[in-house]
Amino acid sequence: AKIGARIGADVPFFIYEYDSANVTGIGEVVEEFKEEPLNIEVFTPK
């Protein structure tokens, strides 16, 4: 995660591979949040 933080602020979250996490600081503080997995639909305007 420390290596990843030098690449981008959001990288540490993905390093930890949590399904859900509270993210603070500039993105480097990642704490797992225990909850039921969410089924999420995403739409991106092309």
ModelCIF file with pLDDT and N, C-alpha, C, O atoms, coordinates in Angstrom:
data_MODEL
#
_entry.id   MODEL 
#
_entity.id                         1 
_entity.type                       polymer 
_entity.pdbx_number_of_molecules   1 
#
_entity_poly.entity_id                      1 
_entity_poly.type                           'polypeptide(L)' 
_entity_poly.nstd_linkage                   no 
_entity_poly.nstd_monomer                   no 
_entity_poly.pdbx_seq_one_letter_code       AKIGARIGADVPFFIYEYDSANVTGIGEVVEEFKEEPLNIEVFTPK 
_entity_poly.pdbx_seq_one_letter_code_can   AKIGARIGADVPFFIYEYDSANVTGIGEVVEEFKEEPLNIEVFTPK 
_entity_poly.pdbx_strand_id                 A 
#
loop_
_entity_poly_seq.entity_id 
_entity_poly_seq.num 
_entity_poly_seq.mon_id 
_entity_poly_seq.hetero 
1 1  ALA n 
1 2  LYS n 
1 3  ILE n 
1 4  GLY n 
1 5  ALA n 
1 6  ARG n 
1 7  ILE n 
1 8  GLY n 
1 9  ALA n 
1 10 ASP n 
1 11 VAL n 
1 12 PRO n 
1 13 PHE n 
1 14 PHE n 
1 15 ILE n 
1 16 TYR n 
1 17 GLU n 
1 18 TYR n 
1 19 ASP n 
1 20 SER n 
1 21 ALA n 
1 22 ASN n 
1 23 VAL n 
1 24 THR n 
1 25 GLY n 
1 26 ILE n 
1 27 GLY n 
1 28 GLU n 
1 29 VAL n 
1 30 VAL n 
1 31 GLU n 
1 32 GLU n 
1 33 PHE n 
1 34 LYS n 
1 35 GLU n 
1 36 GLU n 
1 37 PRO n 
1 38 LEU n 
1 39 ASN n 
1 40 ILE n 
1 41 GLU n 
1 42 VAL n 
1 43 PHE n 
1 44 THR n 
1 45 PRO n 
1 46 LYS n 
#
_struct_asym.id          A 
_struct_asym.entity_id   1 
#
loop_
_ma_qa_metric.id 
_ma_qa_metric.mode 
_ma_qa_metric.name 
_ma_qa_metric.software_group_id 
_ma_qa_metric.type 
1 global pLDDT . pLDDT 
2 local  pLDDT . pLDDT 
#
_ma_qa_metric_global.metric_id      1 
_ma_qa_metric_global.metric_value   95.78 
_ma_qa_metric_global.model_id       1 
_ma_qa_metric_global.ordinal_id     1 
#
loop_
_ma_qa_metric_local.label_asym_id 
_ma_qa_metric_local.label_comp_id 
_ma_qa_metric_local.label_seq_id 
_ma_qa_metric_local.metric_id 
_ma_qa_metric_local.metric_value 
_ma_qa_metric_local.model_id 
_ma_qa_metric_local.ordinal_id 
A ALA 1  2 97.00 1 1  
A LYS 2  2 96.00 1 2  
A ILE 3  2 96.00 1 3  
A GLY 4  2 96.00 1 4  
A ALA 5  2 95.00 1 5  
A ARG 6  2 95.00 1 6  
A ILE 7  2 96.00 1 7  
A GLY 8  2 93.00 1 8  
A ALA 9  2 91.00 1 9  
A ASP 10 2 94.00 1 10 
A VAL 11 2 97.00 1 11 
A PRO 12 2 97.00 1 12 
A PHE 13 2 98.00 1 13 
A PHE 14 2 98.00 1 14 
A ILE 15 2 98.00 1 15 
A TYR 16 2 98.00 1 16 
A GLU 17 2 97.00 1 17 
A TYR 18 2 97.00 1 18 
A ASP 19 2 97.00 1 19 
A SER 20 2 98.00 1 20 
A ALA 21 2 98.00 1 21 
A ASN 22 2 98.00 1 22 
A VAL 23 2 98.00 1 23 
A THR 24 2 97.00 1 24 
A GLY 25 2 94.00 1 25 
A ILE 26 2 90.00 1 26 
A GLY 27 2 90.00 1 27 
A GLU 28 2 91.00 1 28 
A VAL 29 2 95.00 1 29 
A VAL 30 2 97.00 1 30 
A GLU 31 2 98.00 1 31 
A GLU 32 2 98.00 1 32 
A PHE 33 2 98.00 1 33 
A LYS 34 2 97.00 1 34 
A GLU 35 2 97.00 1 35 
A GLU 36 2 94.00 1 36 
A PRO 37 2 92.00 1 37 
A LEU 38 2 95.00 1 38 
A ASN 39 2 96.00 1 39 
A ILE 40 2 97.00 1 40 
A GLU 41 2 97.00 1 41 
A VAL 42 2 97.00 1 42 
A PHE 43 2 97.00 1 43 
A THR 44 2 96.00 1 44 
A PRO 45 2 95.00 1 45 
A LYS 46 2 90.00 1 46 
#
loop_
_atom_site.group_PDB 
_atom_site.id 
_atom_site.type_symbol 
_atom_site.label_atom_id 
_atom_site.label_alt_id 
_atom_site.label_comp_id 
_atom_site.label_asym_id 
_atom_site.label_entity_id 
_atom_site.label_seq_id 
_atom_site.pdbx_PDB_ins_code 
_atom_site.Cartn_x 
_atom_site.Cartn_y 
_atom_site.Cartn_z 
_atom_site.occupancy 
_atom_site.B_iso_or_equiv 
_atom_site.pdbx_formal_charge 
_atom_site.auth_seq_id 
_atom_site.auth_comp_id 
_atom_site.auth_asym_id 
_atom_site.auth_atom_id 
_atom_site.pdbx_PDB_model_num 
ATOM 1   N N  . ALA A 1 1  ? 0.826   -1.206 0.000   1.00 97.00 ? 1  ALA A N  1 
ATOM 2   C CA . ALA A 1 1  ? 0.000   0.000  0.000   1.00 97.00 ? 1  ALA A CA 1 
ATOM 3   C C  . ALA A 1 1  ? 0.863   1.260  0.000   1.00 97.00 ? 1  ALA A C  1 
ATOM 4   O O  . ALA A 1 1  ? 0.517   2.250  -0.645  1.00 97.00 ? 1  ALA A O  1 
ATOM 5   N N  . LYS A 1 2  ? 1.983   1.228  0.720   1.00 96.00 ? 2  LYS A N  1 
ATOM 6   C CA . LYS A 1 2  ? 2.889   2.383  0.734   1.00 96.00 ? 2  LYS A CA 1 
ATOM 7   C C  . LYS A 1 2  ? 3.515   2.593  -0.642  1.00 96.00 ? 2  LYS A C  1 
ATOM 8   O O  . LYS A 1 2  ? 3.688   3.727  -1.089  1.00 96.00 ? 2  LYS A O  1 
ATOM 9   N N  . ILE A 1 3  ? 3.852   1.494  -1.307  1.00 96.00 ? 3  ILE A N  1 
ATOM 10  C CA . ILE A 1 3  ? 4.362   1.593  -2.681  1.00 96.00 ? 3  ILE A CA 1 
ATOM 11  C C  . ILE A 1 3  ? 3.271   2.157  -3.580  1.00 96.00 ? 3  ILE A C  1 
ATOM 12  O O  . ILE A 1 3  ? 3.521   3.040  -4.400  1.00 96.00 ? 3  ILE A O  1 
ATOM 13  N N  . GLY A 1 4  ? 2.058   1.637  -3.416  1.00 96.00 ? 4  GLY A N  1 
ATOM 14  C CA . GLY A 1 4  ? 0.945   2.067  -4.247  1.00 96.00 ? 4  GLY A CA 1 
ATOM 15  C C  . GLY A 1 4  ? 0.584   3.528  -4.048  1.00 96.00 ? 4  GLY A C  1 
ATOM 16  O O  . GLY A 1 4  ? 0.189   4.201  -5.000  1.00 96.00 ? 4  GLY A O  1 
ATOM 17  N N  . ALA A 1 5  ? 0.715   4.028  -2.829  1.00 95.00 ? 5  ALA A N  1 
ATOM 18  C CA . ALA A 1 5  ? 0.354   5.421  -2.545  1.00 95.00 ? 5  ALA A CA 1 
ATOM 19  C C  . ALA A 1 5  ? 1.215   6.401  -3.323  1.00 95.00 ? 5  ALA A C  1 
ATOM 20  O O  . ALA A 1 5  ? 0.805   7.538  -3.556  1.00 95.00 ? 5  ALA A O  1 
ATOM 21  N N  . ARG A 1 6  ? 2.406   5.971  -3.728  1.00 95.00 ? 6  ARG A N  1 
ATOM 22  C CA . ARG A 1 6  ? 3.278   6.845  -4.522  1.00 95.00 ? 6  ARG A CA 1 
ATOM 23  C C  . ARG A 1 6  ? 2.820   6.917  -5.982  1.00 95.00 ? 6  ARG A C  1 
ATOM 24  O O  . ARG A 1 6  ? 3.277   7.771  -6.741  1.00 95.00 ? 6  ARG A O  1 
ATOM 25  N N  . ILE A 1 7  ? 1.927   6.025  -6.360  1.00 96.00 ? 7  ILE A N  1 
ATOM 26  C CA . ILE A 1 7  ? 1.402   6.007  -7.727  1.00 96.00 ? 7  ILE A CA 1 
ATOM 27  C C  . ILE A 1 7  ? 0.103   6.803  -7.817  1.00 96.00 ? 7  ILE A C  1 
ATOM 28  O O  . ILE A 1 7  ? -0.107  7.553  -8.770  1.00 96.00 ? 7  ILE A O  1 
ATOM 29  N N  . GLY A 1 8  ? -0.765  6.636  -6.823  1.00 93.00 ? 8  GLY A N  1 
ATOM 30  C CA . GLY A 1 8  ? -2.032  7.350  -6.821  1.00 93.00 ? 8  GLY A CA 1 
ATOM 31  C C  . GLY A 1 8  ? -2.730  7.229  -5.490  1.00 93.00 ? 8  GLY A C  1 
ATOM 32  O O  . GLY A 1 8  ? -2.539  6.247  -4.773  1.00 93.00 ? 8  GLY A O  1 
ATOM 33  N N  . ALA A 1 9  ? -3.541  8.220  -5.148  1.00 91.00 ? 9  ALA A N  1 
ATOM 34  C CA . ALA A 1 9  ? -4.170  8.279  -3.833  1.00 91.00 ? 9  ALA A CA 1 
ATOM 35  C C  . ALA A 1 9  ? -5.139  7.131  -3.582  1.00 91.00 ? 9  ALA A C  1 
ATOM 36  O O  . ALA A 1 9  ? -5.309  6.709  -2.437  1.00 91.00 ? 9  ALA A O  1 
ATOM 37  N N  . ASP A 1 10 ? -5.784  6.613  -4.643  1.00 94.00 ? 10 ASP A N  1 
ATOM 38  C CA . ASP A 1 10 ? -6.776  5.542  -4.469  1.00 94.00 ? 10 ASP A CA 1 
ATOM 39  C C  . ASP A 1 10 ? -6.165  4.144  -4.494  1.00 94.00 ? 10 ASP A C  1 
ATOM 40  O O  . ASP A 1 10 ? -6.852  3.168  -4.193  1.00 94.00 ? 10 ASP A O  1 
ATOM 41  N N  . VAL A 1 11 ? -4.899  4.036  -4.845  1.00 97.00 ? 11 VAL A N  1 
ATOM 42  C CA . VAL A 1 11 ? -4.287  2.713  -5.020  1.00 97.00 ? 11 VAL A CA 1 
ATOM 43  C C  . VAL A 1 11 ? -4.312  1.869  -3.741  1.00 97.00 ? 11 VAL A C  1 
ATOM 44  O O  . VAL A 1 11 ? -4.619  0.679  -3.816  1.00 97.00 ? 11 VAL A O  1 
ATOM 45  N N  . PRO A 1 12 ? -3.998  2.446  -2.557  1.00 97.00 ? 12 PRO A N  1 
ATOM 46  C CA . PRO A 1 12 ? -4.010  1.608  -1.347  1.00 97.00 ? 12 PRO A CA 1 
ATOM 47  C C  . PRO A 1 12 ? -5.321  0.869  -1.109  1.00 97.00 ? 12 PRO A C  1 
ATOM 48  O O  . PRO A 1 12 ? -5.305  -0.290 -0.694  1.00 97.00 ? 12 PRO A O  1 
ATOM 49  N N  . PHE A 1 13 ? -6.467  1.523  -1.367  1.00 98.00 ? 13 PHE A N  1 
ATOM 50  C CA . PHE A 1 13 ? -7.751  0.834  -1.177  1.00 98.00 ? 13 PHE A CA 1 
ATOM 51  C C  . PHE A 1 13 ? -7.784  -0.471 -1.966  1.00 98.00 ? 13 PHE A C  1 
ATOM 52  O O  . PHE A 1 13 ? -8.196  -1.506 -1.442  1.00 98.00 ? 13 PHE A O  1 
ATOM 53  N N  . PHE A 1 14 ? -7.356  -0.422 -3.210  1.00 98.00 ? 14 PHE A N  1 
ATOM 54  C CA . PHE A 1 14 ? -7.406  -1.617 -4.056  1.00 98.00 ? 14 PHE A CA 1 
ATOM 55  C C  . PHE A 1 14 ? -6.359  -2.660 -3.637  1.00 98.00 ? 14 PHE A C  1 
ATOM 56  O O  . PHE A 1 14 ? -6.567  -3.858 -3.825  1.00 98.00 ? 14 PHE A O  1 
ATOM 57  N N  . ILE A 1 15 ? -5.255  -2.208 -3.079  1.00 98.00 ? 15 ILE A N  1 
ATOM 58  C CA . ILE A 1 15 ? -4.239  -3.146 -2.578  1.00 98.00 ? 15 ILE A CA 1 
ATOM 59  C C  . ILE A 1 15 ? -4.830  -4.051 -1.497  1.00 98.00 ? 15 ILE A C  1 
ATOM 60  O O  . ILE A 1 15 ? -4.590  -5.258 -1.484  1.00 98.00 ? 15 ILE A O  1 
ATOM 61  N N  . TYR A 1 16 ? -5.606  -3.451 -0.591  1.00 98.00 ? 16 TYR A N  1 
ATOM 62  C CA . TYR A 1 16 ? -6.129  -4.218 0.544   1.00 98.00 ? 16 TYR A CA 1 
ATOM 63  C C  . TYR A 1 16 ? -7.234  -5.194 0.142   1.00 98.00 ? 16 TYR A C  1 
ATOM 64  O O  . TYR A 1 16 ? -7.527  -6.133 0.881   1.00 98.00 ? 16 TYR A O  1 
ATOM 65  N N  . GLU A 1 17 ? -7.846  -4.981 -1.018  1.00 97.00 ? 17 GLU A N  1 
ATOM 66  C CA . GLU A 1 17 ? -8.851  -5.897 -1.561  1.00 97.00 ? 17 GLU A CA 1 
ATOM 67  C C  . GLU A 1 17 ? -10.080 -6.049 -0.659  1.00 97.00 ? 17 GLU A C  1 
ATOM 68  O O  . GLU A 1 17 ? -10.706 -7.108 -0.624  1.00 97.00 ? 17 GLU A O  1 
ATOM 69  N N  . TYR A 1 18 ? -10.414 -4.994 0.060   1.00 97.00 ? 18 TYR A N  1 
ATOM 70  C CA . TYR A 1 18 ? -11.635 -5.001 0.866   1.00 97.00 ? 18 TYR A CA 1 
ATOM 71  C C  . TYR A 1 18 ? -12.845 -4.781 -0.040  1.00 97.00 ? 18 TYR A C  1 
ATOM 72  O O  . TYR A 1 18 ? -12.762 -4.073 -1.043  1.00 97.00 ? 18 TYR A O  1 
ATOM 73  N N  . ASP A 1 19 ? -13.966 -5.394 0.325   1.00 97.00 ? 19 ASP A N  1 
ATOM 74  C CA . ASP A 1 19 ? -15.202 -5.124 -0.403  1.00 97.00 ? 19 ASP A CA 1 
ATOM 75  C C  . ASP A 1 19 ? -15.719 -3.728 -0.079  1.00 97.00 ? 19 ASP A C  1 
ATOM 76  O O  . ASP A 1 19 ? -16.279 -3.048 -0.939  1.00 97.00 ? 19 ASP A O  1 
ATOM 77  N N  . SER A 1 20 ? -15.527 -3.309 1.166   1.00 98.00 ? 20 SER A N  1 
ATOM 78  C CA . SER A 1 20 ? -16.010 -2.008 1.614   1.00 98.00 ? 20 SER A CA 1 
ATOM 79  C C  . SER A 1 20 ? -15.015 -1.455 2.630   1.00 98.00 ? 20 SER A C  1 
ATOM 80  O O  . SER A 1 20 ? -14.535 -2.182 3.500   1.00 98.00 ? 20 SER A O  1 
ATOM 81  N N  . ALA A 1 21 ? -14.707 -0.154 2.513   1.00 98.00 ? 21 ALA A N  1 
ATOM 82  C CA . ALA A 1 21 ? -13.727 0.423  3.434   1.00 98.00 ? 21 ALA A CA 1 
ATOM 83  C C  . ALA A 1 21 ? -13.980 1.915  3.613   1.00 98.00 ? 21 ALA A C  1 
ATOM 84  O O  . ALA A 1 21 ? -14.450 2.594  2.701   1.00 98.00 ? 21 ALA A O  1 
ATOM 85  N N  . ASN A 1 22 ? -13.661 2.410  4.804   1.00 98.00 ? 22 ASN A N  1 
ATOM 86  C CA . ASN A 1 22 ? -13.617 3.842  5.062   1.00 98.00 ? 22 ASN A CA 1 
ATOM 87  C C  . ASN A 1 22 ? -12.235 4.343  4.662   1.00 98.00 ? 22 ASN A C  1 
ATOM 88  O O  . ASN A 1 22 ? -11.217 3.801  5.092   1.00 98.00 ? 22 ASN A O  1 
ATOM 89  N N  . VAL A 1 23 ? -12.213 5.373  3.844   1.00 98.00 ? 23 VAL A N  1 
ATOM 90  C CA . VAL A 1 23 ? -10.958 5.896  3.313   1.00 98.00 ? 23 VAL A CA 1 
ATOM 91  C C  . VAL A 1 23 ? -10.835 7.366  3.720   1.00 98.00 ? 23 VAL A C  1 
ATOM 92  O O  . VAL A 1 23 ? -11.715 8.178  3.431   1.00 98.00 ? 23 VAL A O  1 
ATOM 93  N N  . THR A 1 24 ? -9.735  7.692  4.391   1.00 97.00 ? 24 THR A N  1 
ATOM 94  C CA . THR A 1 24 ? -9.515  9.058  4.864   1.00 97.00 ? 24 THR A CA 1 
ATOM 95  C C  . THR A 1 24 ? -8.096  9.498  4.553   1.00 97.00 ? 24 THR A C  1 
ATOM 96  O O  . THR A 1 24 ? -7.366  8.818  3.832   1.00 97.00 ? 24 THR A O  1 
ATOM 97  N N  . GLY A 1 25 ? -7.704  10.668 5.117   1.00 94.00 ? 25 GLY A N  1 
ATOM 98  C CA . GLY A 1 25 ? -6.416  11.260 4.740   1.00 94.00 ? 25 GLY A CA 1 
ATOM 99  C C  . GLY A 1 25 ? -6.509  11.714 3.294   1.00 94.00 ? 25 GLY A C  1 
ATOM 100 O O  . GLY A 1 25 ? -7.531  12.255 2.874   1.00 94.00 ? 25 GLY A O  1 
ATOM 101 N N  . ILE A 1 26 ? -5.453  11.497 2.539   1.00 90.00 ? 26 ILE A N  1 
ATOM 102 C CA . ILE A 1 26 ? -5.506  11.790 1.105   1.00 90.00 ? 26 ILE A CA 1 
ATOM 103 C C  . ILE A 1 26 ? -5.750  10.500 0.312   1.00 90.00 ? 26 ILE A C  1 
ATOM 104 O O  . ILE A 1 26 ? -5.508  10.424 -0.893  1.00 90.00 ? 26 ILE A O  1 
ATOM 105 N N  . GLY A 1 27 ? -6.235  9.499  1.037   1.00 90.00 ? 27 GLY A N  1 
ATOM 106 C CA . GLY A 1 27 ? -6.537  8.202  0.438   1.00 90.00 ? 27 GLY A CA 1 
ATOM 107 C C  . GLY A 1 27 ? -5.689  7.083  0.993   1.00 90.00 ? 27 GLY A C  1 
ATOM 108 O O  . GLY A 1 27 ? -5.922  5.911  0.696   1.00 90.00 ? 27 GLY A O  1 
ATOM 109 N N  . GLU A 1 28 ? -4.685  7.447  1.816   1.00 91.00 ? 28 GLU A N  1 
ATOM 110 C CA . GLU A 1 28 ? -3.735  6.443  2.298   1.00 91.00 ? 28 GLU A CA 1 
ATOM 111 C C  . GLU A 1 28 ? -4.220  5.702  3.539   1.00 91.00 ? 28 GLU A C  1 
ATOM 112 O O  . GLU A 1 28 ? -3.670  4.656  3.883   1.00 91.00 ? 28 GLU A O  1 
ATOM 113 N N  . VAL A 1 29 ? -5.248  6.230  4.222   1.00 95.00 ? 29 VAL A N  1 
ATOM 114 C CA . VAL A 1 29 ? -5.772  5.573  5.423   1.00 95.00 ? 29 VAL A CA 1 
ATOM 115 C C  . VAL A 1 29 ? -6.992  4.753  5.024   1.00 95.00 ? 29 VAL A C  1 
ATOM 116 O O  . VAL A 1 29 ? -8.041  5.306  4.694   1.00 95.00 ? 29 VAL A O  1 
ATOM 117 N N  . VAL A 1 30 ? -6.848  3.441  5.057   1.00 97.00 ? 30 VAL A N  1 
ATOM 118 C CA . VAL A 1 30 ? -7.890  2.529  4.579   1.00 97.00 ? 30 VAL A CA 1 
ATOM 119 C C  . VAL A 1 30 ? -8.256  1.569  5.716   1.00 97.00 ? 30 VAL A C  1 
ATOM 120 O O  . VAL A 1 30 ? -7.415  0.811  6.201   1.00 97.00 ? 30 VAL A O  1 
ATOM 121 N N  . GLU A 1 31 ? -9.521  1.617  6.129   1.00 98.00 ? 31 GLU A N  1 
ATOM 122 C CA . GLU A 1 31 ? -9.980  0.755  7.217   1.00 98.00 ? 31 GLU A CA 1 
ATOM 123 C C  . GLU A 1 31 ? -11.185 -0.045 6.734   1.00 98.00 ? 31 GLU A C  1 
ATOM 124 O O  . GLU A 1 31 ? -12.179 0.527  6.286   1.00 98.00 ? 31 GLU A O  1 
ATOM 125 N N  . GLU A 1 32 ? -11.096 -1.353 6.825   1.00 98.00 ? 32 GLU A N  1 
ATOM 126 C CA . GLU A 1 32 ? -12.192 -2.198 6.361   1.00 98.00 ? 32 GLU A CA 1 
ATOM 127 C C  . GLU A 1 32 ? -13.477 -1.870 7.097   1.00 98.00 ? 32 GLU A C  1 
ATOM 128 O O  . GLU A 1 32 ? -13.475 -1.665 8.311   1.00 98.00 ? 32 GLU A O  1 
ATOM 129 N N  . PHE A 1 33 ? -14.582 -1.821 6.349   1.00 98.00 ? 33 PHE A N  1 
ATOM 130 C CA . PHE A 1 33 ? -15.895 -1.621 6.943   1.00 98.00 ? 33 PHE A CA 1 
ATOM 131 C C  . PHE A 1 33 ? -16.705 -2.885 6.699   1.00 98.00 ? 33 PHE A C  1 
ATOM 132 O O  . PHE A 1 33 ? -16.973 -3.251 5.554   1.00 98.00 ? 33 PHE A O  1 
ATOM 133 N N  . LYS A 1 34 ? -17.091 -3.546 7.779   1.00 97.00 ? 34 LYS A N  1 
ATOM 134 C CA . LYS A 1 34 ? -17.814 -4.809 7.662   1.00 97.00 ? 34 LYS A CA 1 
ATOM 135 C C  . LYS A 1 34 ? -19.286 -4.551 7.396   1.00 97.00 ? 34 LYS A C  1 
ATOM 136 O O  . LYS A 1 34 ? -19.973 -3.949 8.221   1.00 97.00 ? 34 LYS A O  1 
ATOM 137 N N  . GLU A 1 35 ? -19.765 -4.999 6.266   1.00 97.00 ? 35 GLU A N  1 
ATOM 138 C CA . GLU A 1 35 ? -21.182 -4.902 5.933   1.00 97.00 ? 35 GLU A CA 1 
ATOM 139 C C  . GLU A 1 35 ? -21.501 -5.940 4.875   1.00 97.00 ? 35 GLU A C  1 
ATOM 140 O O  . GLU A 1 35 ? -20.602 -6.529 4.275   1.00 97.00 ? 35 GLU A O  1 
ATOM 141 N N  . GLU A 1 36 ? -22.787 -6.157 4.653   1.00 94.00 ? 36 GLU A N  1 
ATOM 142 C CA . GLU A 1 36 ? -23.211 -7.107 3.624   1.00 94.00 ? 36 GLU A CA 1 
ATOM 143 C C  . GLU A 1 36 ? -22.729 -6.630 2.254   1.00 94.00 ? 36 GLU A C  1 
ATOM 144 O O  . GLU A 1 36 ? -22.807 -5.437 1.963   1.00 94.00 ? 36 GLU A O  1 
ATOM 145 N N  . PRO A 1 37 ? -22.234 -7.536 1.408   1.00 92.00 ? 37 PRO A N  1 
ATOM 146 C CA . PRO A 1 37 ? -21.821 -7.143 0.060   1.00 92.00 ? 37 PRO A CA 1 
ATOM 147 C C  . PRO A 1 37 ? -22.975 -6.479 -0.689  1.00 92.00 ? 37 PRO A C  1 
ATOM 148 O O  . PRO A 1 37 ? -24.124 -6.910 -0.593  1.00 92.00 ? 37 PRO A O  1 
ATOM 149 N N  . LEU A 1 38 ? -22.653 -5.435 -1.427  1.00 95.00 ? 38 LEU A N  1 
ATOM 150 C CA . LEU A 1 38 ? -23.669 -4.678 -2.151  1.00 95.00 ? 38 LEU A CA 1 
ATOM 151 C C  . LEU A 1 38 ? -23.662 -5.058 -3.630  1.00 95.00 ? 38 LEU A C  1 
ATOM 152 O O  . LEU A 1 38 ? -22.609 -5.250 -4.239  1.00 95.00 ? 38 LEU A O  1 
ATOM 153 N N  . ASN A 1 39 ? -24.861 -5.158 -4.184  1.00 96.00 ? 39 ASN A N  1 
ATOM 154 C CA . ASN A 1 39 ? -25.010 -5.385 -5.617  1.00 96.00 ? 39 ASN A CA 1 
ATOM 155 C C  . ASN A 1 39 ? -25.209 -4.025 -6.272  1.00 96.00 ? 39 ASN A C  1 
ATOM 156 O O  . ASN A 1 39 ? -26.255 -3.400 -6.101  1.00 96.00 ? 39 ASN A O  1 
ATOM 157 N N  . ILE A 1 40 ? -24.223 -3.570 -7.011  1.00 97.00 ? 40 ILE A N  1 
ATOM 158 C CA . ILE A 1 40 ? -24.197 -2.193 -7.516  1.00 97.00 ? 40 ILE A CA 1 
ATOM 159 C C  . ILE A 1 40 ? -24.304 -2.168 -9.029  1.00 97.00 ? 40 ILE A C  1 
ATOM 160 O O  . ILE A 1 40 ? -23.616 -2.908 -9.731  1.00 97.00 ? 40 ILE A O  1 
ATOM 161 N N  . GLU A 1 41 ? -25.173 -1.309 -9.513  1.00 97.00 ? 41 GLU A N  1 
ATOM 162 C CA . GLU A 1 41 ? -25.285 -1.055 -10.954 1.00 97.00 ? 41 GLU A CA 1 
ATOM 163 C C  . GLU A 1 41 ? -24.634 0.281  -11.260 1.00 97.00 ? 41 GLU A C  1 
ATOM 164 O O  . GLU A 1 41 ? -24.856 1.265  -10.554 1.00 97.00 ? 41 GLU A O  1 
ATOM 165 N N  . VAL A 1 42 ? -23.834 0.314  -12.311 1.00 97.00 ? 42 VAL A N  1 
ATOM 166 C CA . VAL A 1 42 ? -23.096 1.528  -12.686 1.00 97.00 ? 42 VAL A CA 1 
ATOM 167 C C  . VAL A 1 42 ? -23.492 1.957  -14.087 1.00 97.00 ? 42 VAL A C  1 
ATOM 168 O O  . VAL A 1 42 ? -23.645 1.128  -14.984 1.00 97.00 ? 42 VAL A O  1 
ATOM 169 N N  . PHE A 1 43 ? -23.655 3.257  -14.265 1.00 97.00 ? 43 PHE A N  1 
ATOM 170 C CA . PHE A 1 43 ? -23.885 3.803  -15.600 1.00 97.00 ? 43 PHE A CA 1 
ATOM 171 C C  . PHE A 1 43 ? -22.897 4.941  -15.839 1.00 97.00 ? 43 PHE A C  1 
ATOM 172 O O  . PHE A 1 43 ? -22.775 5.847  -15.015 1.00 97.00 ? 43 PHE A O  1 
ATOM 173 N N  . THR A 1 44 ? -22.184 4.890  -16.981 1.00 96.00 ? 44 THR A N  1 
ATOM 174 C CA . THR A 1 44 ? -21.204 5.914  -17.334 1.00 96.00 ? 44 THR A CA 1 
ATOM 175 C C  . THR A 1 44 ? -21.562 6.519  -18.687 1.00 96.00 ? 44 THR A C  1 
ATOM 176 O O  . THR A 1 44 ? -21.535 5.817  -19.698 1.00 96.00 ? 44 THR A O  1 
ATOM 177 N N  . PRO A 1 45 ? -21.899 7.816  -18.726 1.00 95.00 ? 45 PRO A N  1 
ATOM 178 C CA . PRO A 1 45 ? -22.155 8.461  -20.022 1.00 95.00 ? 45 PRO A CA 1 
ATOM 179 C C  . PRO A 1 45 ? -20.906 8.434  -20.895 1.00 95.00 ? 45 PRO A C  1 
ATOM 180 O O  . PRO A 1 45 ? -19.855 8.930  -20.490 1.00 95.00 ? 45 PRO A O  1 
ATOM 181 N N  . LYS A 1 46 ? -21.013 7.866  -22.072 1.00 90.00 ? 46 LYS A N  1 
ATOM 182 C CA . LYS A 1 46 ? -19.837 7.691  -22.925 1.00 90.00 ? 46 LYS A CA 1 
ATOM 183 C C  . LYS A 1 46 ? -19.262 9.010  -23.424 1.00 90.00 ? 46 LYS A C  1 
ATOM 184 O O  . LYS A 1 46 ? -18.270 9.014  -24.152 1.00 90.00 ? 46 LYS A O  1 
#
